[in-house]
Protein backbone atom coordinates (compact mmCIF):
# COMPACT_ATOMS: atom_id res chain seq x y z
CA MET A 1 -9.65 -52.11 30.03
CA ALA A 2 -11.28 -49.56 32.72
CA HIS A 3 -13.38 -50.71 35.76
CA SER A 4 -16.04 -49.57 35.81
CA PRO A 5 -16.78 -47.66 39.32
CA LYS A 6 -18.90 -49.55 42.10
CA GLN A 7 -22.80 -48.22 42.71
CA VAL A 8 -23.35 -46.44 45.97
CA VAL A 9 -26.39 -44.52 47.09
CA VAL A 10 -26.44 -42.22 49.44
CA VAL A 11 -29.70 -41.66 50.95
CA GLY A 12 -30.62 -38.70 51.91
CA ALA A 13 -27.74 -36.67 51.47
CA GLY A 14 -12.06 -45.98 50.90
CA ALA A 15 -9.23 -46.51 48.93
CA PHE A 16 -9.41 -49.61 47.51
CA PRO A 17 -5.91 -50.83 45.43
CA ILE A 18 -5.87 -49.59 41.91
CA ARG A 19 -6.71 -52.39 40.31
CA ARG A 20 -10.06 -53.23 42.02
CA ALA A 21 -13.53 -51.91 40.56
CA PRO A 22 -14.56 -48.66 41.88
CA VAL A 23 -17.41 -49.32 44.02
CA ALA A 24 -21.33 -47.52 43.35
CA VAL A 25 -22.73 -46.18 46.58
CA TYR A 26 -26.19 -44.96 47.00
CA LEU A 27 -26.85 -41.76 49.30
CA ILE A 28 -30.47 -41.86 50.64
CA HIS A 29 -31.84 -37.98 52.42
CA PHE A 30 -35.12 -37.18 52.35
CA ASP A 31 -33.41 -33.61 52.86
CA LEU A 32 -30.34 -33.58 51.30
CA GLY A 33 -29.03 -31.65 54.53
CA VAL A 34 -25.29 -31.09 55.42
CA VAL A 35 -24.50 -34.51 57.23
CA GLY A 36 -26.18 -36.12 54.10
CA LEU A 37 -23.91 -33.72 51.63
CA THR A 38 -20.83 -34.46 53.72
CA THR A 39 -20.68 -38.02 53.77
CA ALA A 40 -21.21 -37.91 49.83
CA VAL A 41 -18.57 -35.60 49.32
CA LYS A 42 -16.19 -37.40 51.54
CA ILE A 43 -16.89 -41.20 50.03
CA GLN A 44 -17.14 -39.67 46.28
CA GLU A 45 -13.01 -37.65 47.04
CA GLN A 46 -12.24 -41.19 48.36
CA GLY A 47 -11.87 -42.66 44.83
CA GLY A 48 -13.11 -46.05 43.82
CA TYR A 49 -16.67 -45.13 44.35
CA ALA A 50 -19.31 -43.80 42.07
CA VAL A 51 -21.66 -41.58 44.48
CA THR A 52 -25.71 -41.29 43.45
CA VAL A 53 -27.59 -39.08 45.95
CA VAL A 54 -31.40 -39.59 46.26
CA ALA A 55 -33.36 -37.06 48.28
CA ASP A 56 -36.34 -34.94 47.44
CA THR A 57 -35.25 -31.62 48.78
CA PHE A 58 -32.10 -30.16 47.53
CA PRO A 59 -30.19 -26.86 49.14
CA SER A 60 -31.01 -24.79 46.05
CA ASP A 61 -34.41 -25.61 46.78
CA PRO A 62 -37.02 -22.66 48.83
CA LYS A 63 -36.75 -22.89 52.21
CA SER A 64 -38.82 -24.56 53.95
CA ILE A 65 -39.73 -27.07 57.63
CA LYS A 66 -38.57 -30.31 55.12
CA TYR A 67 -35.05 -28.43 55.16
CA THR A 68 -33.78 -28.42 58.49
CA SER A 69 -29.85 -27.47 57.75
CA LEU A 70 -30.65 -24.32 55.59
CA TRP A 71 -32.54 -22.76 58.94
CA ALA A 72 -29.10 -23.42 61.30
CA GLY A 73 -26.92 -20.93 62.37
CA ALA A 74 -24.79 -22.12 62.18
CA HIS A 75 -21.38 -22.11 64.20
CA HIS A 76 -18.65 -24.39 64.98
CA VAL A 77 -19.54 -24.59 69.29
CA SER A 78 -18.97 -28.42 70.00
CA HIS A 79 -21.60 -29.82 72.24
CA ALA A 80 -18.95 -32.85 73.04
CA GLU A 81 -19.43 -31.81 76.83
CA GLY A 82 -16.68 -34.46 78.20
CA ASP A 83 -17.63 -37.22 75.56
CA LEU A 84 -14.08 -37.94 74.40
CA LYS A 85 -15.57 -39.59 71.15
CA GLN A 86 -17.73 -36.70 70.18
CA GLN A 87 -15.07 -34.13 70.54
CA LYS A 88 -13.00 -36.08 68.41
CA ILE A 89 -15.23 -36.37 65.80
CA ASP A 90 -16.20 -32.12 66.46
CA GLU A 91 -12.31 -31.42 66.26
CA GLU A 92 -11.79 -33.18 62.57
CA THR A 93 -14.67 -31.36 61.66
CA PHE A 94 -13.28 -28.25 62.89
CA LYS A 95 -9.90 -28.92 61.00
CA VAL A 96 -11.72 -29.40 57.89
CA MET A 97 -13.59 -25.97 58.20
CA TRP A 98 -10.94 -24.09 59.31
CA GLU A 99 -8.88 -24.94 56.15
CA MET A 100 -11.66 -24.49 54.20
CA SER A 101 -12.30 -20.72 55.71
CA ALA A 102 -8.57 -20.02 54.53
CA PRO A 103 -8.30 -16.76 52.68
CA GLY A 104 -8.25 -16.95 49.14
CA GLY A 105 -9.78 -20.15 49.31
CA GLU A 106 -12.44 -21.61 47.17
CA ALA A 107 -14.74 -21.79 50.47
CA GLU A 108 -13.84 -19.29 51.90
CA GLY A 109 -17.21 -17.08 51.22
CA CYS A 110 -18.91 -19.86 53.43
CA PHE A 111 -17.54 -18.53 56.41
CA LEU A 112 -16.85 -16.08 58.88
CA ARG A 113 -13.95 -16.63 60.99
CA LEU A 114 -14.43 -14.73 64.45
CA PRO A 115 -13.77 -14.05 68.10
CA GLN A 116 -16.64 -15.91 70.75
CA THR A 117 -17.44 -15.57 74.26
CA ASP A 118 -19.61 -18.16 75.66
CA ASN A 119 -21.65 -17.62 79.07
CA TYR A 120 -22.30 -20.28 81.44
CA TYR A 121 -25.21 -19.83 84.01
CA ASP A 122 -24.46 -23.01 85.36
CA GLY A 123 -20.85 -22.29 86.21
CA ARG A 124 -19.80 -25.57 84.35
CA ASP A 125 -16.33 -25.95 83.08
CA SER A 126 -15.42 -24.87 79.58
CA HIS A 127 -14.69 -27.82 77.23
CA LEU A 128 -13.36 -25.96 74.47
CA ASP A 129 -9.80 -26.23 75.36
CA TRP A 130 -8.61 -27.61 71.87
CA MET A 131 -10.29 -24.42 70.51
CA PRO A 132 -7.60 -21.74 69.06
CA ASP A 133 -7.40 -18.75 71.55
CA HIS A 134 -8.77 -20.27 74.24
CA ALA A 135 -8.98 -18.24 77.80
CA PRO A 136 -11.58 -18.08 80.63
CA LEU A 137 -13.10 -15.19 80.88
CA ALA A 138 -12.71 -12.77 83.95
CA LEU A 139 -15.41 -12.51 86.44
CA ASP A 140 -15.60 -8.69 85.18
CA ALA A 141 -16.12 -9.46 81.39
CA LEU A 142 -19.28 -12.19 82.53
CA ILE A 143 -22.82 -11.24 81.12
CA PRO A 144 -25.01 -10.72 84.24
CA ASP A 145 -26.13 -13.95 86.65
CA ALA A 146 -23.60 -15.90 84.69
CA LYS A 147 -21.12 -17.68 86.86
CA THR A 148 -18.37 -18.92 84.33
CA GLY A 149 -17.47 -18.32 80.66
CA VAL A 150 -14.79 -18.31 78.24
CA GLN A 151 -13.07 -16.66 74.68
CA PHE A 152 -12.09 -18.61 71.76
CA THR A 153 -11.81 -18.06 68.25
CA THR A 154 -13.99 -20.18 65.75
CA LEU A 155 -16.45 -19.74 62.62
CA THR A 156 -19.62 -19.15 61.64
CA ILE A 157 -21.07 -20.84 58.67
CA ASP A 158 -23.47 -19.15 56.11
CA THR A 159 -25.45 -22.25 55.63
CA PRO A 160 -27.52 -22.12 52.24
CA ALA A 161 -24.14 -20.64 50.69
CA TYR A 162 -22.14 -24.16 52.19
CA CYS A 163 -24.78 -26.66 51.45
CA ASN A 164 -24.77 -25.59 47.90
CA TYR A 165 -21.15 -25.22 48.13
CA LEU A 166 -21.05 -29.04 48.96
CA LEU A 167 -23.25 -29.96 46.41
CA ALA A 168 -21.23 -28.74 43.56
CA ARG A 169 -18.21 -29.90 45.27
CA LEU A 170 -20.18 -33.37 44.80
CA LEU A 171 -21.24 -33.04 41.69
CA ALA A 172 -17.66 -31.32 40.04
CA ARG A 173 -16.07 -34.71 41.54
CA GLY A 174 -18.50 -36.90 39.55
CA GLY A 175 -21.35 -37.33 42.08
CA ARG A 176 -24.70 -37.80 40.51
CA THR A 177 -28.31 -37.11 41.90
CA VAL A 178 -31.52 -37.95 41.53
CA ARG A 179 -34.81 -36.51 43.31
CA ALA A 180 -37.51 -38.94 44.84
CA SER A 181 -39.52 -39.81 47.61
CA VAL A 182 -37.91 -43.18 48.72
CA GLN A 183 -40.50 -45.44 50.46
CA HIS A 184 -38.43 -48.19 51.53
CA VAL A 185 -34.60 -48.82 51.46
CA GLN A 186 -35.15 -52.12 49.43
CA GLN A 187 -36.50 -50.00 46.09
CA LEU A 188 -32.74 -48.64 46.04
CA ALA A 189 -31.41 -51.85 47.02
CA GLU A 190 -32.89 -54.01 44.44
CA GLY A 191 -33.17 -51.43 41.68
CA GLY A 192 -30.43 -48.47 42.02
CA ALA A 193 -31.69 -44.68 41.85
CA HIS A 194 -32.47 -45.27 38.20
CA VAL A 195 -36.02 -46.81 39.32
CA PHE A 196 -36.95 -43.07 39.76
CA THR A 197 -35.54 -41.69 36.73
CA PRO A 198 -38.26 -40.40 34.29
CA GLY A 199 -39.15 -42.55 31.49
CA ARG A 200 -38.18 -46.51 31.01
CA ALA A 201 -36.66 -47.49 34.81
CA ARG A 202 -34.09 -49.77 34.35
CA SER A 203 -32.18 -51.68 36.97
CA VAL A 204 -28.52 -50.63 38.15
CA PRO A 205 -26.47 -53.20 40.50
CA VAL A 206 -25.90 -51.50 43.52
CA ASP A 207 -22.91 -52.33 46.19
CA ALA A 208 -23.50 -50.42 48.88
CA LEU A 209 -26.09 -47.84 50.73
CA VAL A 210 -25.44 -44.83 52.69
CA VAL A 211 -28.63 -43.98 54.63
CA CYS A 212 -28.60 -40.32 56.29
CA PRO A 213 -32.06 -39.51 55.89
CA GLY A 214 -32.25 -37.01 59.43
CA LEU A 215 -35.85 -37.15 60.74
CA GLY A 216 -36.92 -39.08 57.94
CA ALA A 217 -35.16 -41.96 59.72
CA ARG A 218 -38.43 -42.53 61.44
CA THR A 219 -40.38 -43.47 58.64
CA LEU A 220 -38.12 -44.55 56.22
CA GLY A 221 -39.05 -48.18 55.41
CA GLY A 222 -36.79 -50.59 56.15
CA VAL A 223 -35.10 -48.23 59.11
CA GLU A 224 -38.14 -47.01 60.99
CA ASP A 225 -36.28 -45.85 63.66
CA ALA A 226 -38.54 -44.98 66.90
CA ASP A 227 -35.54 -43.33 68.87
CA VAL A 228 -35.52 -40.59 66.47
CA PHE A 229 -37.28 -37.36 67.79
CA PRO A 230 -37.64 -33.51 66.39
CA VAL A 231 -35.97 -30.93 68.30
CA ARG A 232 -37.55 -27.58 67.32
CA GLY A 233 -35.20 -24.52 66.92
CA GLN A 234 -36.77 -21.13 66.22
CA VAL A 235 -34.71 -18.19 65.08
CA VAL A 236 -34.94 -14.80 63.76
CA MET A 237 -32.39 -13.06 61.27
CA LEU A 238 -31.46 -9.66 61.68
CA ARG A 239 -29.59 -7.37 59.09
CA ALA A 240 -26.90 -5.91 61.36
CA PRO A 241 -23.52 -6.23 59.12
CA TRP A 242 -21.49 -4.13 62.44
CA ILE A 243 -21.75 -7.21 64.39
CA THR A 244 -18.34 -9.22 63.87
CA PHE A 245 -18.18 -11.29 66.85
CA GLY A 246 -20.06 -14.39 68.27
CA ARG A 247 -21.67 -14.71 71.65
CA THR A 248 -23.62 -16.89 73.52
CA ALA A 249 -25.23 -17.40 76.64
CA SER A 250 -26.63 -21.36 78.08
CA HIS A 251 -27.93 -22.83 81.24
CA LEU A 252 -28.19 -26.76 80.03
CA GLU A 253 -30.06 -27.88 83.23
CA GLN A 254 -32.75 -25.46 82.25
CA GLY A 255 -32.69 -25.36 78.70
CA LEU A 256 -32.08 -21.77 78.43
CA TRP A 257 -29.75 -20.84 75.42
CA THR A 258 -29.32 -17.89 73.57
CA TYR A 259 -26.83 -17.01 70.42
CA ILE A 260 -25.65 -14.42 68.35
CA ILE A 261 -24.28 -16.02 65.30
CA PRO A 262 -22.97 -13.49 62.63
CA ARG A 263 -22.22 -14.48 59.19
CA ARG A 264 -19.82 -13.17 56.46
CA SER A 265 -22.83 -11.71 54.39
CA GLY A 266 -23.78 -9.25 57.09
CA ASP A 267 -26.95 -11.37 58.31
CA VAL A 268 -27.18 -12.24 62.19
CA ILE A 269 -29.24 -15.12 63.50
CA VAL A 270 -30.10 -14.79 67.03
CA GLY A 271 -31.96 -17.67 68.49
CA GLY A 272 -32.96 -20.15 69.83
CA THR A 273 -35.19 -22.79 70.98
CA LYS A 274 -34.87 -26.37 72.02
CA VAL A 275 -38.23 -27.90 72.44
CA ASP A 276 -38.47 -31.72 72.34
CA ASN A 277 -41.45 -33.04 69.79
CA ASP A 278 -42.47 -29.87 69.05
CA TRP A 279 -43.98 -30.50 65.69
CA TYR A 280 -45.13 -26.76 65.12
CA PRO A 281 -44.34 -25.84 61.45
CA VAL A 282 -43.63 -21.79 61.57
CA ALA A 283 -42.57 -19.42 63.76
CA ARG A 284 -44.72 -18.44 66.59
CA PRO A 285 -45.42 -14.57 66.96
CA GLU A 286 -44.51 -14.62 71.17
CA THR A 287 -41.56 -16.83 70.64
CA THR A 288 -40.07 -14.36 68.53
CA THR A 289 -40.34 -11.65 70.46
CA GLU A 290 -39.07 -13.48 73.59
CA ILE A 291 -35.70 -14.63 71.48
CA LEU A 292 -35.28 -11.01 70.60
CA GLU A 293 -36.02 -10.18 74.16
CA ARG A 294 -32.83 -12.36 75.16
CA ALA A 295 -31.03 -10.95 72.21
CA LEU A 296 -31.31 -7.38 73.08
CA ALA A 297 -30.39 -8.43 76.71
CA LEU A 298 -27.51 -10.50 75.78
CA CYS A 299 -26.14 -8.21 72.85
CA PRO A 300 -27.03 -4.83 73.46
CA GLU A 301 -24.65 -4.20 70.02
CA LEU A 302 -27.50 -5.55 67.77
CA ALA A 303 -29.22 -2.37 67.17
CA PRO A 304 -28.51 -0.04 65.07
CA PRO A 305 -25.38 2.21 65.93
CA GLU A 306 -27.65 5.68 65.47
CA VAL A 307 -29.97 3.98 67.78
CA ARG A 308 -27.37 3.36 70.01
CA ALA A 309 -25.79 6.50 70.29
CA GLN A 310 -29.20 8.80 71.41
CA ARG A 311 -30.54 5.89 74.18
CA SER A 312 -30.94 2.85 75.12
CA PRO A 313 -32.17 0.20 72.10
CA THR A 314 -35.68 -1.66 72.60
CA VAL A 315 -37.12 -4.78 71.10
CA ASP A 316 -38.70 -2.88 68.51
CA ASP A 317 -35.42 -1.47 67.14
CA LEU A 318 -34.27 -4.92 66.09
CA ARG A 319 -38.03 -5.44 64.62
CA SER A 320 -36.90 -2.76 62.32
CA ILE A 321 -33.62 -4.99 61.14
CA ILE A 322 -35.66 -8.28 60.61
CA ILE A 323 -35.39 -10.31 57.35
CA GLU A 324 -36.54 -13.27 58.38
CA GLU A 325 -37.84 -15.80 61.06
CA GLY A 326 -38.43 -19.30 60.88
CA CYS A 327 -37.65 -22.78 62.53
CA GLY A 328 -36.11 -26.04 62.01
CA PHE A 329 -36.81 -29.42 63.44
CA ARG A 330 -33.38 -30.51 64.69
CA PRO A 331 -33.12 -34.22 63.99
CA ALA A 332 -32.33 -36.01 67.84
CA ARG A 333 -32.02 -39.73 68.34
CA LYS A 334 -32.29 -41.52 71.74
CA GLY A 335 -28.56 -42.93 72.42
CA GLY A 336 -27.23 -40.04 69.97
CA VAL A 337 -25.72 -40.44 66.52
CA ARG A 338 -26.20 -43.65 64.83
CA LEU A 339 -22.86 -44.74 63.00
CA ASP A 340 -23.01 -48.85 62.09
CA VAL A 341 -23.85 -51.32 59.66
CA GLU A 342 -26.78 -53.87 58.80
CA PHE A 343 -26.78 -55.92 55.35
CA ILE A 344 -29.76 -56.10 53.41
CA THR A 345 -30.71 -58.35 50.51
CA ALA A 346 -30.42 -56.68 46.87
CA GLY A 347 -31.50 -59.62 44.59
CA SER A 348 -29.35 -62.47 44.99
CA ARG A 349 -26.80 -60.49 47.03
CA GLU A 350 -26.14 -59.23 50.58
CA ILE A 351 -25.13 -55.54 50.39
CA PRO A 352 -23.95 -53.47 53.20
CA MET A 353 -26.29 -50.51 54.24
CA VAL A 354 -24.55 -47.92 56.65
CA PHE A 355 -26.38 -45.79 58.98
CA ASN A 356 -24.79 -42.18 60.10
CA TYR A 357 -28.04 -40.01 61.36
CA GLY A 358 -29.36 -39.08 64.40
CA HIS A 359 -27.11 -35.80 65.10
CA GLY A 360 -29.66 -33.28 66.44
CA GLY A 361 -28.18 -29.58 66.78
CA GLY A 362 -24.70 -30.48 66.04
CA GLY A 363 -24.75 -31.58 62.19
CA TYR A 364 -22.32 -28.83 61.21
CA GLN A 365 -20.08 -29.27 64.34
CA SER A 366 -19.56 -32.93 63.59
CA SER A 367 -20.34 -33.45 59.89
CA TRP A 368 -16.97 -34.34 58.37
CA GLY A 369 -15.82 -36.62 61.95
CA THR A 370 -18.87 -38.60 61.08
CA ALA A 371 -18.48 -38.86 57.42
CA SER A 372 -14.99 -40.18 58.19
CA ILE A 373 -16.49 -43.14 60.40
CA ALA A 374 -19.34 -43.80 57.70
CA LEU A 375 -16.66 -44.00 55.03
CA THR A 376 -14.21 -46.46 57.60
CA LEU A 377 -17.53 -48.59 57.99
CA LEU A 378 -18.31 -48.51 53.83
CA GLU A 379 -14.81 -49.87 53.16
CA LYS A 380 -14.56 -52.52 56.01
CA ALA A 381 -17.84 -53.79 54.78
CA LEU A 382 -17.34 -54.16 51.59
CA SER A 383 -14.06 -55.66 52.24
CA GLU A 384 -15.92 -58.25 54.34
CA ALA A 385 -18.43 -58.75 52.26
CA LYS A 386 -15.77 -59.18 48.48
CA VAL A 387 -17.91 -56.45 46.68
């Protein structure tokens, strides 16, 4: 007789012997961002799991301040800065994304492979020597006032397309979704995702929870992590298909960070800002102007070619190609990403609850690496609990 899968709920968003029944995993996520989606896909595709994602916002919903992942640039430029554990996580993620972006692959359209240059005003050494085609920038190639720099090959991510791709991939592999606003993890531990479905609610035994609530970790009952805080990022999207390279300038000590991130579609994300505990939910006009000024100084090529052929471009030339402007709240955490396990009471049982949140601005860069760790934690906890 066929064994029924074990139930796992991923909130937000291991191989067992073939004789073991699959595990039902629930993944909890307030908005189903890239971390929750990747974790859900990783667990579902491992085999032996039936993953249900519970979230109140999904990738196909209209863009809003509730959903940070859709506002991200994004490019794969690691923030590890010498942290070997984080670097390993980011390296694994880059390897997966590089394979996904291969010509002819099903996810190719979500990525753009391109040459990238990073300029450092503070003169720090590059920590990206593991990236393809890595080489230091010559002094005459640096932007004004930069002390050091590096060039390499990386990829950018069309974030709305990619998140929808991950959701479709999860569903195609047998994963499920339930739209709900979870107040406390105990609601799912006791009753499963079906307690939020319309009609006659029914309780379904849950084998594990995976909690990826992003900024919602501050308020989700049973988690209520006071170390989680928002880092507001404001961006401007331009229509500039002539830009086929990435460029960044940064000064970590002063919090300066300017980036040019083109997508395969021809759109270009320019930014940005990093402001802790700033909850303002829409783009500030004065910040947009400041971003455009920095972006134009870093990359005059942003202006339309016909303008540059006649005169030096101005910020107004960039305003004419703006598609949209907006902001998101990066879910940062004091102490970094939380990757650990607790056990929670579910009726007469104790079930594992795996945490994977607090990525700040590094969600895309670290998504597959932290999903692998979350899967390992899940399998170990289930094995110890003899679920």
